[in-house]
Amino acid sequence: MVFLEITMKIALSNRPSAAEVYQNFKSPFLDTIKGAKSKHLLIREEDVQVLHGFKTLEDAQNYLSSELFTQDVVTSLQPFFEDTPDIRIYQVA
């Protein structure tokens, strides 16, 4: 199992709109992205994280260059970013 963690600084006032973006693209992610296993929205006072689960490292890396991610998700979230998102990939040992 591999996890892709994307951490975003989003103002409290914009979080409902960002959460809507998450909801809009959750099903397409799970239904169309090769190796996609899960997607969770994690909210903390200081930031928002989306944790994606994949079968393989290659699947996670491929998602980052997919049209769904680059054209749909990033374009929809861009207005809410207060800083560049932090993107990390973890492999389960």
PDB file of N, CA and C in Angstrom:
ATOM      1  N   MET A   1       0.854  -1.180   0.000  1.00  0.00           N
ATOM      2  CA  MET A   1       0.000   0.000   0.000  1.00  0.00           C
ATOM      3  C   MET A   1       0.892   1.234   0.000  1.00  0.00           C
ATOM      4  N   VAL A   2       0.431   2.259  -0.704  1.00  0.00           N
ATOM      5  CA  VAL A   2       1.146   3.528  -0.829  1.00  0.00           C
ATOM      6  C   VAL A   2       0.170   4.650  -0.536  1.00  0.00           C
ATOM      7  N   PHE A   3       0.641   5.681   0.167  1.00  0.00           N
ATOM      8  CA  PHE A   3      -0.194   6.844   0.450  1.00  0.00           C
ATOM      9  C   PHE A   3       0.407   8.091  -0.176  1.00  0.00           C
ATOM     10  N   LEU A   4      -0.447   8.862  -0.792  1.00  0.00           N
ATOM     11  CA  LEU A   4      -0.101  10.175  -1.322  1.00  0.00           C
ATOM     12  C   LEU A   4      -0.782  11.189  -0.410  1.00  0.00           C
ATOM     13  N   GLU A   5       0.011  12.025   0.234  1.00  0.00           N
ATOM     14  CA  GLU A   5      -0.512  13.026   1.164  1.00  0.00           C
ATOM     15  C   GLU A   5      -0.282  14.413   0.555  1.00  0.00           C
ATOM     16  N   ILE A   6      -1.356  15.159   0.419  1.00  0.00           N
ATOM     17  CA  ILE A   6      -1.260  16.531  -0.085  1.00  0.00           C
ATOM     18  C   ILE A   6      -1.762  17.451   1.020  1.00  0.00           C
ATOM     19  N   THR A   7      -0.870  18.316   1.509  1.00  0.00           N
ATOM     20  CA  THR A   7      -1.197  19.242   2.586  1.00  0.00           C
ATOM     21  C   THR A   7      -1.330  20.638   2.001  1.00  0.00           C
ATOM     22  N   MET A   8      -2.454  21.291   2.309  1.00  0.00           N
ATOM     23  CA  MET A   8      -2.759  22.609   1.743  1.00  0.00           C
ATOM     24  C   MET A   8      -3.106  23.606   2.836  1.00  0.00           C
ATOM     25  N   LYS A   9      -2.576  24.793   2.721  1.00  0.00           N
ATOM     26  CA  LYS A   9      -2.970  25.882   3.608  1.00  0.00           C
ATOM     27  C   LYS A   9      -4.143  26.588   2.933  1.00  0.00           C
ATOM     28  N   ILE A  10      -5.299  26.482   3.571  1.00  0.00           N
ATOM     29  CA  ILE A  10      -6.541  27.062   3.051  1.00  0.00           C
ATOM     30  C   ILE A  10      -7.227  27.791   4.201  1.00  0.00           C
ATOM     31  N   ALA A  11      -7.606  29.038   3.978  1.00  0.00           N
ATOM     32  CA  ALA A  11      -8.260  29.845   5.009  1.00  0.00           C
ATOM     33  C   ALA A  11      -9.548  29.163   5.469  1.00  0.00           C
ATOM     34  N   LEU A  12      -9.866  29.352   6.737  1.00  0.00           N
ATOM     35  CA  LEU A  12     -11.095  28.767   7.295  1.00  0.00           C
ATOM     36  C   LEU A  12     -12.319  29.138   6.466  1.00  0.00           C
ATOM     37  N   SER A  13     -12.381  30.367   6.002  1.00  0.00           N
ATOM     38  CA  SER A  13     -13.546  30.820   5.234  1.00  0.00           C
ATOM     39  C   SER A  13     -13.672  30.110   3.883  1.00  0.00           C
ATOM     40  N   ASN A  14     -12.579  29.571   3.362  1.00  0.00           N
ATOM     41  CA  ASN A  14     -12.597  28.880   2.066  1.00  0.00           C
ATOM     42  C   ASN A  14     -12.702  27.363   2.182  1.00  0.00           C
ATOM     43  N   ARG A  15     -12.653  26.845   3.375  1.00  0.00           N
ATOM     44  CA  ARG A  15     -12.660  25.393   3.542  1.00  0.00           C
ATOM     45  C   ARG A  15     -13.949  24.712   3.088  1.00  0.00           C
ATOM     46  N   PRO A  16     -15.126  25.315   3.285  1.00  0.00           N
ATOM     47  CA  PRO A  16     -16.322  24.662   2.747  1.00  0.00           C
ATOM     48  C   PRO A  16     -16.266  24.506   1.223  1.00  0.00           C
ATOM     49  N   SER A  17     -15.753  25.502   0.535  1.00  0.00           N
ATOM     50  CA  SER A  17     -15.624  25.405  -0.921  1.00  0.00           C
ATOM     51  C   SER A  17     -14.584  24.362  -1.314  1.00  0.00           C
ATOM     52  N   ALA A  18     -13.492  24.305  -0.597  1.00  0.00           N
ATOM     53  CA  ALA A  18     -12.453  23.301  -0.862  1.00  0.00           C
ATOM     54  C   ALA A  18     -12.987  21.894  -0.588  1.00  0.00           C
ATOM     55  N   ALA A  19     -13.783  21.744   0.456  1.00  0.00           N
ATOM     56  CA  ALA A  19     -14.380  20.448   0.770  1.00  0.00           C
ATOM     57  C   ALA A  19     -15.345  20.014  -0.335  1.00  0.00           C
ATOM     58  N   GLU A  20     -16.001  20.966  -0.946  1.00  0.00           N
ATOM     59  CA  GLU A  20     -16.889  20.665  -2.067  1.00  0.00           C
ATOM     60  C   GLU A  20     -16.088  20.125  -3.255  1.00  0.00           C
ATOM     61  N   VAL A  21     -14.930  20.702  -3.505  1.00  0.00           N
ATOM     62  CA  VAL A  21     -14.050  20.203  -4.567  1.00  0.00           C
ATOM     63  C   VAL A  21     -13.658  18.757  -4.262  1.00  0.00           C
ATOM     64  N   TYR A  22     -13.292  18.488  -3.020  1.00  0.00           N
ATOM     65  CA  TYR A  22     -12.950  17.124  -2.595  1.00  0.00           C
ATOM     66  C   TYR A  22     -14.106  16.167  -2.913  1.00  0.00           C
ATOM     67  N   GLN A  23     -15.312  16.540  -2.525  1.00  0.00           N
ATOM     68  CA  GLN A  23     -16.481  15.680  -2.753  1.00  0.00           C
ATOM     69  C   GLN A  23     -16.743  15.465  -4.244  1.00  0.00           C
ATOM     70  N   ASN A  24     -16.577  16.521  -5.038  1.00  0.00           N
ATOM     71  CA  ASN A  24     -16.837  16.427  -6.480  1.00  0.00           C
ATOM     72  C   ASN A  24     -15.901  15.450  -7.186  1.00  0.00           C
ATOM     73  N   PHE A  25     -14.671  15.340  -6.716  1.00  0.00           N
ATOM     74  CA  PHE A  25     -13.691  14.514  -7.408  1.00  0.00           C
ATOM     75  C   PHE A  25     -13.356  13.203  -6.714  1.00  0.00           C
ATOM     76  N   LYS A  26     -13.984  12.924  -5.567  1.00  0.00           N
ATOM     77  CA  LYS A  26     -13.698  11.671  -4.866  1.00  0.00           C
ATOM     78  C   LYS A  26     -14.117  10.457  -5.702  1.00  0.00           C
ATOM     79  N   SER A  27     -15.341  10.434  -6.169  1.00  0.00           N
ATOM     80  CA  SER A  27     -15.815   9.286  -6.959  1.00  0.00           C
ATOM     81  C   SER A  27     -15.042   9.123  -8.264  1.00  0.00           C
ATOM     82  N   PRO A  28     -14.840  10.203  -9.040  1.00  0.00           N
ATOM     83  CA  PRO A  28     -14.040  10.029 -10.262  1.00  0.00           C
ATOM     84  C   PRO A  28     -12.634   9.487  -9.965  1.00  0.00           C
ATOM     85  N   PHE A  29     -12.036   9.924  -8.857  1.00  0.00           N
ATOM     86  CA  PHE A  29     -10.727   9.407  -8.467  1.00  0.00           C
ATOM     87  C   PHE A  29     -10.801   7.906  -8.234  1.00  0.00           C
ATOM     88  N   LEU A  30     -11.727   7.475  -7.403  1.00  0.00           N
ATOM     89  CA  LEU A  30     -11.835   6.055  -7.049  1.00  0.00           C
ATOM     90  C   LEU A  30     -12.269   5.195  -8.230  1.00  0.00           C
ATOM     91  N   ASP A  31     -13.076   5.772  -9.132  1.00  0.00           N
ATOM     92  CA  ASP A  31     -13.621   5.003 -10.248  1.00  0.00           C
ATOM     93  C   ASP A  31     -12.712   4.944 -11.472  1.00  0.00           C
ATOM     94  N   THR A  32     -11.836   5.945 -11.656  1.00  0.00           N
ATOM     95  CA  THR A  32     -11.090   6.005 -12.919  1.00  0.00           C
ATOM     96  C   THR A  32      -9.573   5.949 -12.798  1.00  0.00           C
ATOM     97  N   ILE A  33      -9.025   6.202 -11.624  1.00  0.00           N
ATOM     98  CA  ILE A  33      -7.565   6.225 -11.487  1.00  0.00           C
ATOM     99  C   ILE A  33      -7.048   4.825 -11.164  1.00  0.00           C
ATOM    100  N   LYS A  34      -6.115   4.358 -11.985  1.00  0.00           N
ATOM    101  CA  LYS A  34      -5.540   3.022 -11.811  1.00  0.00           C
ATOM    102  C   LYS A  34      -4.897   2.905 -10.421  1.00  0.00           C
ATOM    103  N   GLY A  35      -5.267   1.868  -9.709  1.00  0.00           N
ATOM    104  CA  GLY A  35      -4.675   1.574  -8.409  1.00  0.00           C
ATOM    105  C   GLY A  35      -5.240   2.357  -7.240  1.00  0.00           C
ATOM    106  N   ALA A  36      -6.211   3.246  -7.486  1.00  0.00           N
ATOM    107  CA  ALA A  36      -6.790   4.044  -6.398  1.00  0.00           C
ATOM    108  C   ALA A  36      -7.580   3.142  -5.456  1.00  0.00           C
ATOM    109  N   LYS A  37      -7.315   3.275  -4.155  1.00  0.00           N
ATOM    110  CA  LYS A  37      -7.991   2.442  -3.159  1.00  0.00           C
ATOM    111  C   LYS A  37      -8.806   3.244  -2.152  1.00  0.00           C
ATOM    112  N   SER A  38      -8.375   4.488  -1.859  1.00  0.00           N
ATOM    113  CA  SER A  38      -9.086   5.295  -0.857  1.00  0.00           C
ATOM    114  C   SER A  38      -8.737   6.762  -1.031  1.00  0.00           C
ATOM    115  N   LYS A  39      -9.577   7.611  -0.449  1.00  0.00           N
ATOM    116  CA  LYS A  39      -9.334   9.051  -0.452  1.00  0.00           C
ATOM    117  C   LYS A  39     -10.043   9.633   0.768  1.00  0.00           C
ATOM    118  N   HIS A  40      -9.287  10.357   1.619  1.00  0.00           N
ATOM    119  CA  HIS A  40      -9.840  10.911   2.853  1.00  0.00           C
ATOM    120  C   HIS A  40      -9.446  12.373   2.998  1.00  0.00           C
ATOM    121  N   LEU A  41     -10.369  13.171   3.479  1.00  0.00           N
ATOM    122  CA  LEU A  41     -10.127  14.587   3.760  1.00  0.00           C
ATOM    123  C   LEU A  41      -9.852  14.725   5.255  1.00  0.00           C
ATOM    124  N   LEU A  42      -8.689  15.281   5.587  1.00  0.00           N
ATOM    125  CA  LEU A  42      -8.275  15.476   6.971  1.00  0.00           C
ATOM    126  C   LEU A  42      -8.176  16.971   7.231  1.00  0.00           C
ATOM    127  N   ILE A  43      -8.849  17.448   8.254  1.00  0.00           N
ATOM    128  CA  ILE A  43      -8.890  18.882   8.532  1.00  0.00           C
ATOM    129  C   ILE A  43      -8.286  19.155   9.897  1.00  0.00           C
ATOM    130  N   ARG A  44      -7.322  20.062   9.910  1.00  0.00           N
ATOM    131  CA  ARG A  44      -6.720  20.533  11.154  1.00  0.00           C
ATOM    132  C   ARG A  44      -6.874  22.047  11.175  1.00  0.00           C
ATOM    133  N   GLU A  45      -6.651  22.630  12.325  1.00  0.00           N
ATOM    134  CA  GLU A  45      -6.758  24.083  12.437  1.00  0.00           C
ATOM    135  C   GLU A  45      -5.777  24.780  11.491  1.00  0.00           C
ATOM    136  N   GLU A  46      -4.562  24.227  11.374  1.00  0.00           N
ATOM    137  CA  GLU A  46      -3.527  24.898  10.594  1.00  0.00           C
ATOM    138  C   GLU A  46      -3.533  24.563   9.098  1.00  0.00           C
ATOM    139  N   ASP A  47      -4.172  23.446   8.693  1.00  0.00           N
ATOM    140  CA  ASP A  47      -4.179  23.088   7.281  1.00  0.00           C
ATOM    141  C   ASP A  47      -5.231  22.027   6.983  1.00  0.00           C
ATOM    142  N   VAL A  48      -5.275  21.667   5.711  1.00  0.00           N
ATOM    143  CA  VAL A  48      -6.179  20.630   5.225  1.00  0.00           C
ATOM    144  C   VAL A  48      -5.312  19.621   4.477  1.00  0.00           C
ATOM    145  N   GLN A  49      -5.584  18.338   4.689  1.00  0.00           N
ATOM    146  CA  GLN A  49      -4.833  17.305   3.994  1.00  0.00           C
ATOM    147  C   GLN A  49      -5.795  16.377   3.270  1.00  0.00           C
ATOM    148  N   VAL A  50      -5.348  15.896   2.118  1.00  0.00           N
ATOM    149  CA  VAL A  50      -6.067  14.837   1.435  1.00  0.00           C
ATOM    150  C   VAL A  50      -5.111  13.652   1.381  1.00  0.00           C
ATOM    151  N   LEU A  51      -5.577  12.530   1.894  1.00  0.00           N
ATOM    152  CA  LEU A  51      -4.786  11.316   1.954  1.00  0.00           C
ATOM    153  C   LEU A  51      -5.368  10.318   0.957  1.00  0.00           C
ATOM    154  N   HIS A  52      -4.582   9.988  -0.057  1.00  0.00           N
ATOM    155  CA  HIS A  52      -4.996   9.070  -1.116  1.00  0.00           C
ATOM    156  C   HIS A  52      -4.286   7.732  -0.909  1.00  0.00           C
ATOM    157  N   GLY A  53      -4.999   6.641  -1.041  1.00  0.00           N
ATOM    158  CA  GLY A  53      -4.396   5.322  -0.961  1.00  0.00           C
ATOM    159  C   GLY A  53      -4.305   4.688  -2.336  1.00  0.00           C
ATOM    160  N   PHE A  54      -3.171   4.047  -2.622  1.00  0.00           N
ATOM    161  CA  PHE A  54      -2.933   3.401  -3.914  1.00  0.00           C
ATOM    162  C   PHE A  54      -2.362   2.007  -3.710  1.00  0.00           C
ATOM    163  N   LYS A  55      -2.470   1.194  -4.740  1.00  0.00           N
ATOM    164  CA  LYS A  55      -1.884  -0.144  -4.715  1.00  0.00           C
ATOM    165  C   LYS A  55      -0.365  -0.075  -4.815  1.00  0.00           C
ATOM    166  N   THR A  56       0.156   0.807  -5.699  1.00  0.00           N
ATOM    167  CA  THR A  56       1.599   0.839  -5.936  1.00  0.00           C
ATOM    168  C   THR A  56       2.125   2.276  -5.959  1.00  0.00           C
ATOM    169  N   LEU A  57       3.430   2.401  -5.816  1.00  0.00           N
ATOM    170  CA  LEU A  57       4.104   3.695  -5.927  1.00  0.00           C
ATOM    171  C   LEU A  57       3.899   4.277  -7.319  1.00  0.00           C
ATOM    172  N   GLU A  58       3.995   3.452  -8.321  1.00  0.00           N
ATOM    173  CA  GLU A  58       3.801   3.907  -9.704  1.00  0.00           C
ATOM    174  C   GLU A  58       2.397   4.488  -9.903  1.00  0.00           C
ATOM    175  N   ASP A  59       1.383   3.855  -9.313  1.00  0.00           N
ATOM    176  CA  ASP A  59       0.009   4.368  -9.423  1.00  0.00           C
ATOM    177  C   ASP A  59      -0.088   5.762  -8.812  1.00  0.00           C
ATOM    178  N   ALA A  60       0.530   5.983  -7.656  1.00  0.00           N
ATOM    179  CA  ALA A  60       0.497   7.295  -6.996  1.00  0.00           C
ATOM    180  C   ALA A  60       1.213   8.342  -7.842  1.00  0.00           C
ATOM    181  N   GLN A  61       2.363   7.994  -8.372  1.00  0.00           N
ATOM    182  CA  GLN A  61       3.112   8.931  -9.201  1.00  0.00           C
ATOM    183  C   GLN A  61       2.365   9.270 -10.483  1.00  0.00           C
ATOM    184  N   ASN A  62       1.723   8.272 -11.081  1.00  0.00           N
ATOM    185  CA  ASN A  62       0.957   8.503 -12.300  1.00  0.00           C
ATOM    186  C   ASN A  62      -0.245   9.411 -12.056  1.00  0.00           C
ATOM    187  N   TYR A  63      -0.856   9.296 -10.899  1.00  0.00           N
ATOM    188  CA  TYR A  63      -1.993  10.162 -10.584  1.00  0.00           C
ATOM    189  C   TYR A  63      -1.579  11.635 -10.599  1.00  0.00           C
ATOM    190  N   LEU A  64      -0.388  11.934 -10.096  1.00  0.00           N
ATOM    191  CA  LEU A  64       0.067  13.323 -10.038  1.00  0.00           C
ATOM    192  C   LEU A  64       0.232  13.952 -11.419  1.00  0.00           C
ATOM    193  N   SER A  65       0.355  13.147 -12.448  1.00  0.00           N
ATOM    194  CA  SER A  65       0.454  13.695 -13.807  1.00  0.00           C
ATOM    195  C   SER A  65      -0.808  13.437 -14.623  1.00  0.00           C
ATOM    196  N   SER A  66      -1.832  12.897 -13.991  1.00  0.00           N
ATOM    197  CA  SER A  66      -3.085  12.607 -14.697  1.00  0.00           C
ATOM    198  C   SER A  66      -3.866  13.888 -14.988  1.00  0.00           C
ATOM    199  N   GLU A  67      -4.722  13.820 -15.971  1.00  0.00           N
ATOM    200  CA  GLU A  67      -5.580  14.957 -16.310  1.00  0.00           C
ATOM    201  C   GLU A  67      -6.530  15.280 -15.162  1.00  0.00           C
ATOM    202  N   LEU A  68      -7.041  14.253 -14.495  1.00  0.00           N
ATOM    203  CA  LEU A  68      -7.949  14.490 -13.365  1.00  0.00           C
ATOM    204  C   LEU A  68      -7.272  15.353 -12.310  1.00  0.00           C
ATOM    205  N   PHE A  69      -6.013  15.055 -11.998  1.00  0.00           N
ATOM    206  CA  PHE A  69      -5.310  15.831 -10.978  1.00  0.00           C
ATOM    207  C   PHE A  69      -4.895  17.205 -11.504  1.00  0.00           C
ATOM    208  N   THR A  70      -4.178  17.229 -12.623  1.00  0.00           N
ATOM    209  CA  THR A  70      -3.584  18.491 -13.098  1.00  0.00           C
ATOM    210  C   THR A  70      -4.605  19.476 -13.634  1.00  0.00           C
ATOM    211  N   GLN A  71      -5.609  18.982 -14.338  1.00  0.00           N
ATOM    212  CA  GLN A  71      -6.574  19.883 -14.970  1.00  0.00           C
ATOM    213  C   GLN A  71      -7.817  20.130 -14.117  1.00  0.00           C
ATOM    214  N   ASP A  72      -8.292  19.103 -13.432  1.00  0.00           N
ATOM    215  CA  ASP A  72      -9.550  19.222 -12.696  1.00  0.00           C
ATOM    216  C   ASP A  72      -9.342  19.620 -11.229  1.00  0.00           C
ATOM    217  N   VAL A  73      -8.631  18.793 -10.496  1.00  0.00           N
ATOM    218  CA  VAL A  73      -8.480  19.020  -9.056  1.00  0.00           C
ATOM    219  C   VAL A  73      -7.669  20.288  -8.773  1.00  0.00           C
ATOM    220  N   VAL A  74      -6.476  20.358  -9.337  1.00  0.00           N
ATOM    221  CA  VAL A  74      -5.606  21.516  -9.054  1.00  0.00           C
ATOM    222  C   VAL A  74      -6.251  22.814  -9.531  1.00  0.00           C
ATOM    223  N   THR A  75      -6.820  22.812 -10.718  1.00  0.00           N
ATOM    224  CA  THR A  75      -7.474  24.018 -11.249  1.00  0.00           C
ATOM    225  C   THR A  75      -8.613  24.466 -10.342  1.00  0.00           C
ATOM    226  N   SER A  76      -9.375  23.527  -9.818  1.00  0.00           N
ATOM    227  CA  SER A  76     -10.507  23.868  -8.937  1.00  0.00           C
ATOM    228  C   SER A  76     -10.052  24.374  -7.577  1.00  0.00           C
ATOM    229  N   LEU A  77      -8.940  23.848  -7.067  1.00  0.00           N
ATOM    230  CA  LEU A  77      -8.465  24.242  -5.734  1.00  0.00           C
ATOM    231  C   LEU A  77      -7.555  25.466  -5.743  1.00  0.00           C
ATOM    232  N   GLN A  78      -6.950  25.759  -6.876  1.00  0.00           N
ATOM    233  CA  GLN A  78      -5.966  26.844  -6.981  1.00  0.00           C
ATOM    234  C   GLN A  78      -6.408  28.161  -6.322  1.00  0.00           C
ATOM    235  N   PRO A  79      -7.643  28.609  -6.501  1.00  0.00           N
ATOM    236  CA  PRO A  79      -8.038  29.887  -5.888  1.00  0.00           C
ATOM    237  C   PRO A  79      -8.006  29.890  -4.357  1.00  0.00           C
ATOM    238  N   PHE A  80      -7.977  28.717  -3.748  1.00  0.00           N
ATOM    239  CA  PHE A  80      -8.039  28.631  -2.291  1.00  0.00           C
ATOM    240  C   PHE A  80      -6.666  28.482  -1.630  1.00  0.00           C
ATOM    241  N   PHE A  81      -5.621  28.206  -2.403  1.00  0.00           N
ATOM    242  CA  PHE A  81      -4.289  27.992  -1.840  1.00  0.00           C
ATOM    243  C   PHE A  81      -3.718  29.288  -1.288  1.00  0.00           C
ATOM    244  N   GLU A  82      -3.223  29.222  -0.052  1.00  0.00           N
ATOM    245  CA  GLU A  82      -2.506  30.346   0.544  1.00  0.00           C
ATOM    246  C   GLU A  82      -0.997  30.172   0.378  1.00  0.00           C
ATOM    247  N   ASP A  83      -0.579  28.975  -0.003  1.00  0.00           N
ATOM    248  CA  ASP A  83       0.831  28.647  -0.183  1.00  0.00           C
ATOM    249  C   ASP A  83       0.891  27.432  -1.108  1.00  0.00           C
ATOM    250  N   THR A  84       2.056  27.101  -1.567  1.00  0.00           N
ATOM    251  CA  THR A  84       2.234  25.920  -2.412  1.00  0.00           C
ATOM    252  C   THR A  84       1.947  24.661  -1.593  1.00  0.00           C
ATOM    253  N   PRO A  85       1.089  23.772  -2.102  1.00  0.00           N
ATOM    254  CA  PRO A  85       0.805  22.535  -1.373  1.00  0.00           C
ATOM    255  C   PRO A  85       2.060  21.674  -1.201  1.00  0.00           C
ATOM    256  N   ASP A  86       2.102  20.947  -0.109  1.00  0.00           N
ATOM    257  CA  ASP A  86       3.185  20.010   0.183  1.00  0.00           C
ATOM    258  C   ASP A  86       2.701  18.621  -0.232  1.00  0.00           C
ATOM    259  N   ILE A  87       3.415  17.994  -1.157  1.00  0.00           N
ATOM    260  CA  ILE A  87       3.016  16.690  -1.684  1.00  0.00           C
ATOM    261  C   ILE A  87       4.069  15.657  -1.287  1.00  0.00           C
ATOM    262  N   ARG A  88       3.603  14.580  -0.634  1.00  0.00           N
ATOM    263  CA  ARG A  88       4.512  13.519  -0.181  1.00  0.00           C
ATOM    264  C   ARG A  88       3.905  12.159  -0.487  1.00  0.00           C
ATOM    265  N   ILE A  89       4.772  11.220  -0.806  1.00  0.00           N
ATOM    266  CA  ILE A  89       4.342   9.849  -1.054  1.00  0.00           C
ATOM    267  C   ILE A  89       5.027   8.947  -0.026  1.00  0.00           C
ATOM    268  N   TYR A  90       4.237   8.084   0.614  1.00  0.00           N
ATOM    269  CA  TYR A  90       4.738   7.166   1.625  1.00  0.00           C
ATOM    270  C   TYR A  90       4.416   5.732   1.217  1.00  0.00           C
ATOM    271  N   GLN A  91       5.367   4.835   1.424  1.00  0.00           N
ATOM    272  CA  GLN A  91       5.125   3.419   1.209  1.00  0.00           C
ATOM    273  C   GLN A  91       4.979   2.742   2.571  1.00  0.00           C
ATOM    274  N   VAL A  92       4.008   1.872   2.689  1.00  0.00           N
ATOM    275  CA  VAL A  92       3.802   1.147   3.935  1.00  0.00           C
ATOM    276  C   VAL A  92       4.845   0.040   4.016  1.00  0.00           C
ATOM    277  N   ALA A  93       5.521  -0.016   5.153  1.00  0.00           N
ATOM    278  CA  ALA A  93       6.576  -1.040   5.339  1.00  0.00           C
ATOM    279  C   ALA A  93       5.993  -2.319   5.875  1.00  0.00           C
TER     280      ALA A  93
END
